[in-house]
C-alpha atoms as a PDB file:
ATOM      1  CA  MET A   1     -31.232   3.939  51.124  1.00  0.00           C
ATOM      2  CA  THR A   2     -32.441   3.397  47.560  1.00  0.00           C
ATOM      3  CA  ASP A   3     -31.066   0.657  45.295  1.00  0.00           C
ATOM      4  CA  ASP A   4     -29.384   3.347  43.162  1.00  0.00           C
ATOM      5  CA  SER A   5     -27.633   4.774  46.238  1.00  0.00           C
ATOM      6  CA  LYS A   6     -26.444   1.313  47.237  1.00  0.00           C
ATOM      7  CA  ASP A   7     -25.005   0.807  43.727  1.00  0.00           C
ATOM      8  CA  ASP A   8     -23.208   4.161  43.863  1.00  0.00           C
ATOM      9  CA  THR A   9     -21.756   3.306  47.281  1.00  0.00           C
ATOM     10  CA  GLN A  10     -20.635  -0.100  46.042  1.00  0.00           C
ATOM     11  CA  HIS A  11     -18.956   1.415  42.949  1.00  0.00           C
ATOM     12  CA  ALA A  12     -17.161   3.986  45.061  1.00  0.00           C
ATOM     13  CA  GLY A  13     -15.926   1.241  47.386  1.00  0.00           C
ATOM     14  CA  ASP A  14     -14.667  -0.816  44.456  1.00  0.00           C
ATOM     15  CA  ALA A  15     -12.787   2.189  43.068  1.00  0.00           C
ATOM     16  CA  ALA A  16     -11.132   2.835  46.426  1.00  0.00           C
ATOM     17  CA  ALA A  17     -10.181  -0.811  46.809  1.00  0.00           C
ATOM     18  CA  HIS A  18      -8.578  -0.941  43.366  1.00  0.00           C
ATOM     19  CA  PRO A  19      -6.752   2.368  42.755  1.00  0.00           C
ATOM     20  CA  ARG A  20      -5.144   3.079  39.388  1.00  0.00           C
ATOM     21  CA  ALA A  21      -1.856   1.242  38.923  1.00  0.00           C
ATOM     22  CA  GLU A  22       1.077   3.399  39.945  1.00  0.00           C
ATOM     23  CA  HIS A  23       3.196   2.564  36.917  1.00  0.00           C
ATOM     24  CA  SER A  24       0.640   2.725  34.077  1.00  0.00           C
ATOM     25  CA  PRO A  25       2.231   2.704  30.598  1.00  0.00           C
ATOM     26  CA  SER A  26       3.075   6.133  29.258  1.00  0.00           C
ATOM     27  CA  ARG A  27       1.337   7.391  26.148  1.00  0.00           C
ATOM     28  CA  ARG A  28       4.651   7.228  24.327  1.00  0.00           C
ATOM     29  CA  ARG A  29       5.132   3.537  25.137  1.00  0.00           C
ATOM     30  CA  PHE A  30       1.515   2.791  24.305  1.00  0.00           C
ATOM     31  CA  MET A  31       1.709   4.562  20.960  1.00  0.00           C
ATOM     32  CA  ARG A  32       4.900   2.722  20.081  1.00  0.00           C
ATOM     33  CA  ASN A  33       3.234  -0.596  20.878  1.00  0.00           C
ATOM     34  CA  VAL A  34       0.247   0.159  18.681  1.00  0.00           C
ATOM     35  CA  GLY A  35       2.174   2.139  16.096  1.00  0.00           C
ATOM     36  CA  MET A  36       3.009  -0.799  13.901  1.00  0.00           C
ATOM     37  CA  SER A  37      -0.633  -1.847  13.928  1.00  0.00           C
ATOM     38  CA  SER A  38      -1.733   1.652  12.919  1.00  0.00           C
ATOM     39  CA  LEU A  39       0.766   1.836  10.081  1.00  0.00           C
ATOM     40  CA  ALA A  40      -0.269  -1.629   8.981  1.00  0.00           C
ATOM     41  CA  ALA A  41      -3.862  -0.449   8.990  1.00  0.00           C
ATOM     42  CA  ALA A  42      -2.852   2.453   6.788  1.00  0.00           C
ATOM     43  CA  THR A  43      -1.302  -0.039   4.392  1.00  0.00           C
ATOM     44  CA  THR A  44      -3.767  -2.911   4.503  1.00  0.00           C
ATOM     45  CA  ALA A  45      -7.137  -1.864   5.942  1.00  0.00           C
ATOM     46  CA  THR A  46      -9.989  -2.047   3.474  1.00  0.00           C
ATOM     47  CA  GLY A  47     -11.411   1.357   4.331  1.00  0.00           C
ATOM     48  CA  LEU A  48     -14.536   2.629   2.590  1.00  0.00           C
ATOM     49  CA  GLY A  49     -14.757   0.426  -0.509  1.00  0.00           C
ATOM     50  CA  THR A  50     -17.265   0.892  -3.296  1.00  0.00           C
ATOM     51  CA  ALA A  51     -19.880  -1.790  -3.938  1.00  0.00           C
ATOM     52  CA  PHE A  52     -19.877  -2.986  -7.545  1.00  0.00           C
ATOM     53  CA  ALA A  53     -22.542  -4.828  -9.459  1.00  0.00           C
ATOM     54  CA  ASP A  54     -21.222  -8.040 -11.043  1.00  0.00           C
ATOM     55  CA  ASP A  55     -21.116  -6.515 -14.529  1.00  0.00           C
ATOM     56  CA  GLU A  56     -19.205  -3.456 -13.247  1.00  0.00           C
ATOM     57  CA  ARG A  57     -16.580  -5.286 -11.229  1.00  0.00           C
ATOM     58  CA  VAL A  58     -13.007  -4.760 -12.397  1.00  0.00           C
ATOM     59  CA  SER A  59     -11.347  -7.959 -13.534  1.00  0.00           C
ATOM     60  CA  GLU A  60      -7.748  -8.911 -14.134  1.00  0.00           C
ATOM     61  CA  ALA A  61      -7.131  -9.866 -17.734  1.00  0.00           C
ATOM     62  CA  THR A  62      -7.339 -13.636 -18.242  1.00  0.00           C
ATOM     63  CA  SER A  63      -8.045 -14.029 -21.979  1.00  0.00           C
ATOM     64  CA  ASP A  64      -6.710 -12.870 -25.335  1.00  0.00           C
ATOM     65  CA  ALA A  65      -9.433 -10.247 -25.700  1.00  0.00           C
ATOM     66  CA  PRO A  66     -11.196  -8.093 -23.099  1.00  0.00           C
ATOM     67  CA  PRO A  67     -14.893  -8.767 -22.438  1.00  0.00           C
ATOM     68  CA  LYS A  68     -17.439  -6.671 -24.286  1.00  0.00           C
ATOM     69  CA  GLY A  69     -17.646  -3.160 -22.911  1.00  0.00           C
ATOM     70  CA  LYS A  70     -14.239  -3.277 -21.227  1.00  0.00           C
ATOM     71  CA  THR A  71     -10.814  -2.001 -22.161  1.00  0.00           C
ATOM     72  CA  ARG A  72      -7.517  -3.717 -21.474  1.00  0.00           C
ATOM     73  CA  VAL A  73      -4.911  -1.576 -19.759  1.00  0.00           C
ATOM     74  CA  THR A  74      -1.370  -2.507 -18.782  1.00  0.00           C
ATOM     75  CA  PHE A  75       0.728  -0.600 -16.288  1.00  0.00           C
ATOM     76  CA  LYS A  76       3.476  -1.204 -13.766  1.00  0.00           C
ATOM     77  CA  ILE A  77       2.528  -0.851 -10.106  1.00  0.00           C
ATOM     78  CA  ASN A  78       5.119  -1.044  -7.326  1.00  0.00           C
ATOM     79  CA  GLY A  79       7.518  -2.580  -9.831  1.00  0.00           C
ATOM     80  CA  GLN A  80       5.150  -5.310 -11.059  1.00  0.00           C
ATOM     81  CA  THR A  81       3.435  -5.279 -14.446  1.00  0.00           C
ATOM     82  CA  LYS A  82      -0.334  -5.708 -14.242  1.00  0.00           C
ATOM     83  CA  GLN A  83      -2.881  -6.134 -17.021  1.00  0.00           C
ATOM     84  CA  LEU A  84      -6.514  -5.335 -16.237  1.00  0.00           C
ATOM     85  CA  ASP A  85      -9.818  -5.340 -18.097  1.00  0.00           C
ATOM     86  CA  VAL A  86     -11.801  -2.340 -16.916  1.00  0.00           C
ATOM     87  CA  ALA A  87     -14.969  -0.482 -17.825  1.00  0.00           C
ATOM     88  CA  PRO A  88     -14.291   2.978 -19.259  1.00  0.00           C
ATOM     89  CA  ASN A  89     -15.635   4.714 -16.134  1.00  0.00           C
ATOM     90  CA  VAL A  90     -13.579   2.805 -13.530  1.00  0.00           C
ATOM     91  CA  VAL A  91     -11.245   5.141 -11.665  1.00  0.00           C
ATOM     92  CA  LEU A  92      -7.684   4.190 -10.819  1.00  0.00           C
ATOM     93  CA  LEU A  93      -8.488   4.102  -7.099  1.00  0.00           C
ATOM     94  CA  ASP A  94     -11.110   1.380  -7.543  1.00  0.00           C
ATOM     95  CA  ALA A  95      -8.886  -0.614  -9.900  1.00  0.00           C
ATOM     96  CA  ILE A  96      -6.119  -0.583  -7.279  1.00  0.00           C
ATOM     97  CA  ARG A  97      -8.357  -1.456  -4.332  1.00  0.00           C
ATOM     98  CA  GLN A  98     -10.966  -3.752  -5.836  1.00  0.00           C
ATOM     99  CA  ASN A  99      -9.000  -5.694  -8.397  1.00  0.00           C
ATOM    100  CA  LEU A 100      -5.372  -5.548  -7.351  1.00  0.00           C
ATOM    101  CA  GLN A 101      -6.263  -5.989  -3.662  1.00  0.00           C
ATOM    102  CA  MET A 102      -4.039  -3.116  -2.528  1.00  0.00           C
ATOM    103  CA  PRO A 103      -6.315  -1.457   0.043  1.00  0.00           C
ATOM    104  CA  GLY A 104      -3.646   0.796   1.526  1.00  0.00           C
ATOM    105  CA  THR A 105      -4.778   3.513  -0.882  1.00  0.00           C
ATOM    106  CA  LYS A 106      -7.887   4.879   0.813  1.00  0.00           C
ATOM    107  CA  LYS A 107     -11.212   6.103  -0.545  1.00  0.00           C
ATOM    108  CA  GLY A 108     -12.008   9.207   1.450  1.00  0.00           C
ATOM    109  CA  CYS A 109     -14.121  11.976  -0.063  1.00  0.00           C
ATOM    110  CA  ASP A 110     -14.104  10.460  -3.590  1.00  0.00           C
ATOM    111  CA  HIS A 111     -14.020  14.040  -4.923  1.00  0.00           C
ATOM    112  CA  GLY A 112     -10.297  14.825  -4.888  1.00  0.00           C
ATOM    113  CA  GLN A 113     -10.557  17.029  -1.816  1.00  0.00           C
ATOM    114  CA  CYS A 114      -9.005  15.017   1.048  1.00  0.00           C
ATOM    115  CA  GLY A 115      -5.866  13.414  -0.421  1.00  0.00           C
ATOM    116  CA  ALA A 116      -6.413   9.979   1.174  1.00  0.00           C
ATOM    117  CA  CYS A 117      -6.203   8.297  -2.249  1.00  0.00           C
ATOM    118  CA  THR A 118      -2.881   9.869  -3.289  1.00  0.00           C
ATOM    119  CA  VAL A 119      -0.549   7.687  -5.362  1.00  0.00           C
ATOM    120  CA  HIS A 120       2.429   8.435  -7.595  1.00  0.00           C
ATOM    121  CA  VAL A 121       2.020   8.190 -11.366  1.00  0.00           C
ATOM    122  CA  ASN A 122       5.284   8.482 -13.266  1.00  0.00           C
ATOM    123  CA  GLY A 123       6.771  10.202 -10.238  1.00  0.00           C
ATOM    124  CA  THR A 124       3.978  12.736  -9.719  1.00  0.00           C
ATOM    125  CA  ALA A 125       1.488  12.702  -6.833  1.00  0.00           C
ATOM    126  CA  VAL A 126      -2.105  12.407  -8.084  1.00  0.00           C
ATOM    127  CA  ASN A 127      -5.553  11.820  -6.612  1.00  0.00           C
ATOM    128  CA  SER A 128      -6.398   8.347  -7.859  1.00  0.00           C
ATOM    129  CA  CYS A 129     -10.129   8.911  -7.288  1.00  0.00           C
ATOM    130  CA  LEU A 130     -10.143  11.498 -10.101  1.00  0.00           C
ATOM    131  CA  SER A 131      -8.147   9.533 -12.665  1.00  0.00           C
ATOM    132  CA  LEU A 132      -9.638   6.883 -14.953  1.00  0.00           C
ATOM    133  CA  ALA A 133      -7.758   3.585 -15.006  1.00  0.00           C
ATOM    134  CA  VAL A 134      -7.830   3.447 -18.829  1.00  0.00           C
ATOM    135  CA  MET A 135      -5.745   6.636 -18.921  1.00  0.00           C
ATOM    136  CA  HIS A 136      -2.743   4.868 -17.415  1.00  0.00           C
ATOM    137  CA  GLU A 137      -1.635   2.557 -20.179  1.00  0.00           C
ATOM    138  CA  GLY A 138       2.130   2.084 -19.822  1.00  0.00           C
ATOM    139  CA  ASP A 139       2.396   4.222 -16.691  1.00  0.00           C
ATOM    140  CA  GLU A 140       4.476   3.480 -13.604  1.00  0.00           C
ATOM    141  CA  ILE A 141       2.417   3.712 -10.426  1.00  0.00           C
ATOM    142  CA  THR A 142       3.530   3.629  -6.803  1.00  0.00           C
ATOM    143  CA  THR A 143       1.152   3.114  -3.875  1.00  0.00           C
ATOM    144  CA  VAL A 144       1.862   3.201  -0.143  1.00  0.00           C
ATOM    145  CA  GLU A 145       2.685  -0.515  -0.316  1.00  0.00           C
ATOM    146  CA  GLY A 146       5.657   0.490  -2.466  1.00  0.00           C
ATOM    147  CA  LEU A 147       7.213   2.632   0.286  1.00  0.00           C
ATOM    148  CA  GLY A 148       7.996  -0.319   2.542  1.00  0.00           C
ATOM    149  CA  SER A 149       6.391  -3.087   4.544  1.00  0.00           C
ATOM    150  CA  GLU A 150       5.424  -3.744   8.154  1.00  0.00           C
ATOM    151  CA  LYS A 151       8.632  -5.725   8.640  1.00  0.00           C
ATOM    152  CA  ASN A 152      10.828  -3.357   6.642  1.00  0.00           C
ATOM    153  CA  LEU A 153       9.617   0.230   7.034  1.00  0.00           C
ATOM    154  CA  GLY A 154      10.832   2.852   4.625  1.00  0.00           C
ATOM    155  CA  PRO A 155      12.449   6.022   6.059  1.00  0.00           C
ATOM    156  CA  LEU A 156       9.241   8.042   5.807  1.00  0.00           C
ATOM    157  CA  GLN A 157       7.155   5.305   7.421  1.00  0.00           C
ATOM    158  CA  ALA A 158       9.696   5.007  10.226  1.00  0.00           C
ATOM    159  CA  ALA A 159       9.558   8.772  10.790  1.00  0.00           C
ATOM    160  CA  PHE A 160       5.747   8.713  10.995  1.00  0.00           C
ATOM    161  CA  LEU A 161       6.013   5.970  13.605  1.00  0.00           C
ATOM    162  CA  GLU A 162       8.684   7.801  15.604  1.00  0.00           C
ATOM    163  CA  HIS A 163       6.718  11.062  15.695  1.00  0.00           C
ATOM    164  CA  ASP A 164       3.249   9.576  16.318  1.00  0.00           C
ATOM    165  CA  ALA A 165       2.133  11.175  13.045  1.00  0.00           C
ATOM    166  CA  TYR A 166      -1.250   9.431  12.965  1.00  0.00           C
ATOM    167  CA  GLN A 167      -4.279   8.756  15.108  1.00  0.00           C
ATOM    168  CA  CYS A 168      -7.035   6.892  13.283  1.00  0.00           C
ATOM    169  CA  GLY A 169      -4.555   6.161  10.474  1.00  0.00           C
ATOM    170  CA  TYR A 170      -7.059   6.627   7.646  1.00  0.00           C
ATOM    171  CA  CYS A 171      -5.312   9.578   6.005  1.00  0.00           C
ATOM    172  CA  THR A 172      -1.807   8.285   6.737  1.00  0.00           C
ATOM    173  CA  ALA A 173      -1.196   6.497   3.432  1.00  0.00           C
ATOM    174  CA  GLY A 174      -2.111   9.581   1.416  1.00  0.00           C
ATOM    175  CA  GLN A 175      -0.095  11.823   3.726  1.00  0.00           C
ATOM    176  CA  MET A 176       2.996   9.661   3.218  1.00  0.00           C
ATOM    177  CA  MET A 177       2.564   9.480  -0.564  1.00  0.00           C
ATOM    178  CA  THR A 178       2.299  13.257  -0.865  1.00  0.00           C
ATOM    179  CA  ALA A 179       5.179  13.718   1.575  1.00  0.00           C
ATOM    180  CA  SER A 180       7.330  11.337  -0.446  1.00  0.00           C
ATOM    181  CA  TYR A 181       6.709  13.440  -3.530  1.00  0.00           C
ATOM    182  CA  VAL A 182       7.297  16.716  -1.662  1.00  0.00           C
ATOM    183  CA  LEU A 183      10.648  15.557  -0.284  1.00  0.00           C
ATOM    184  CA  GLY A 184      11.807  14.622  -3.768  1.00  0.00           C
ATOM    185  CA  ASP A 185      10.688  17.847  -5.444  1.00  0.00           C
ATOM    186  CA  LYS A 186      13.613  20.290  -5.515  1.00  0.00           C
ATOM    187  CA  ARG A 187      11.236  23.179  -6.238  1.00  0.00           C
ATOM    188  CA  ILE A 188       9.756  22.952  -2.731  1.00  0.00           C
ATOM    189  CA  GLY A 189      11.865  24.555  -0.006  1.00  0.00           C
ATOM    190  CA  ASN A 190      12.682  23.229   3.454  1.00  0.00           C
ATOM    191  CA  SER A 191      10.760  25.805   5.479  1.00  0.00           C
ATOM    192  CA  GLU A 192       7.725  24.922   7.572  1.00  0.00           C
ATOM    193  CA  ASP A 193       5.542  27.330   5.591  1.00  0.00           C
ATOM    194  CA  GLU A 194       6.486  25.794   2.247  1.00  0.00           C
ATOM    195  CA  LEU A 195       5.942  22.294   3.608  1.00  0.00           C
ATOM    196  CA  ARG A 196       2.488  23.218   4.932  1.00  0.00           C
ATOM    197  CA  GLN A 197       1.542  24.715   1.586  1.00  0.00           C
ATOM    198  CA  ALA A 198       2.766  21.662  -0.329  1.00  0.00           C
ATOM    199  CA  MET A 199       0.862  19.306   1.995  1.00  0.00           C
ATOM    200  CA  SER A 200      -2.330  21.390   2.072  1.00  0.00           C
ATOM    201  CA  GLY A 201      -4.207  18.985  -0.195  1.00  0.00           C
ATOM    202  CA  ASN A 202      -4.044  16.224   2.420  1.00  0.00           C
ATOM    203  CA  ILE A 203      -6.580  16.530   5.237  1.00  0.00           C
ATOM    204  CA  CYS A 204      -6.134  14.932   8.672  1.00  0.00           C
ATOM    205  CA  ARG A 205      -9.499  15.002  10.409  1.00  0.00           C
ATOM    206  CA  CYS A 206      -7.803  14.033  13.681  1.00  0.00           C
ATOM    207  CA  GLY A 207      -5.713  17.227  13.502  1.00  0.00           C
ATOM    208  CA  THR A 208      -2.286  15.566  13.777  1.00  0.00           C
ATOM    209  CA  TYR A 209      -0.622  18.100  11.486  1.00  0.00           C
ATOM    210  CA  LYS A 210       2.137  19.130  13.912  1.00  0.00           C
ATOM    211  CA  ASN A 211       3.383  15.554  14.212  1.00  0.00           C
ATOM    212  CA  ILE A 212       2.963  14.903  10.487  1.00  0.00           C
ATOM    213  CA  TYR A 213       5.139  17.895   9.590  1.00  0.00           C
ATOM    214  CA  ALA A 214       7.735  16.914  12.196  1.00  0.00           C
ATOM    215  CA  ALA A 215       7.912  13.410  10.722  1.00  0.00           C
ATOM    216  CA  ILE A 216       8.327  14.733   7.184  1.00  0.00           C
ATOM    217  CA  GLN A 217      11.091  17.108   8.212  1.00  0.00           C
ATOM    218  CA  ASP A 218      12.821  14.275  10.066  1.00  0.00           C
ATOM    219  CA  ALA A 219      12.697  12.101   6.950  1.00  0.00           C
ATOM    220  CA  ARG A 220      14.201  14.858   4.780  1.00  0.00           C
ATOM    221  CA  GLY A 221      17.357  13.613   3.112  1.00  0.00           C
ATOM    222  CA  LYS A 222      16.542   9.981   3.922  1.00  0.00           C
ATOM    223  CA  VAL A 223      13.872   9.305   1.311  1.00  0.00           C
END
């Protein structure tokens, strides 16, 4: 008998001696246990950040005048007023993630095609990767952190958890921000077809659309 055959025999014997536990946790219980972690990841994980050179890095305003080559912009984000000094080409997504340390808003395609970076600006859902930060003077911005917290989930977040509406969790923040807008827009009907059309700008590469739509419908009237 070769060494490889002996190893195969030994492995087979070990498997027979230690059969799979009879009462292994169900997928539902497992997903509930990890659900909070996944939603937290959607809110706090750093994702795919952009590397900045020192002279390009966004900085929070700390003096009476912005540094040379930068513009001071003031807006309200999740109810708090923030004043930033940014270069003219810094997009809102990078200002939120890099300077304000709110990494729940994800950088996905960086071309406005996947919806992972969706935030609300003055009540409208926008792709923050396509919008310059300097354009938002005086605006009111809401990110996924503004929907609730890990200890106090908002209705939409709770529905996503209940319906397992995530897998890797990377698109989840953008999905919830668009869904929040959709549920508040009286022009969009309640049918599945209208919901799918309204959510079509948000891509889930894991293919969890059925659960995402179920969660949104469940949250209808609660948001």
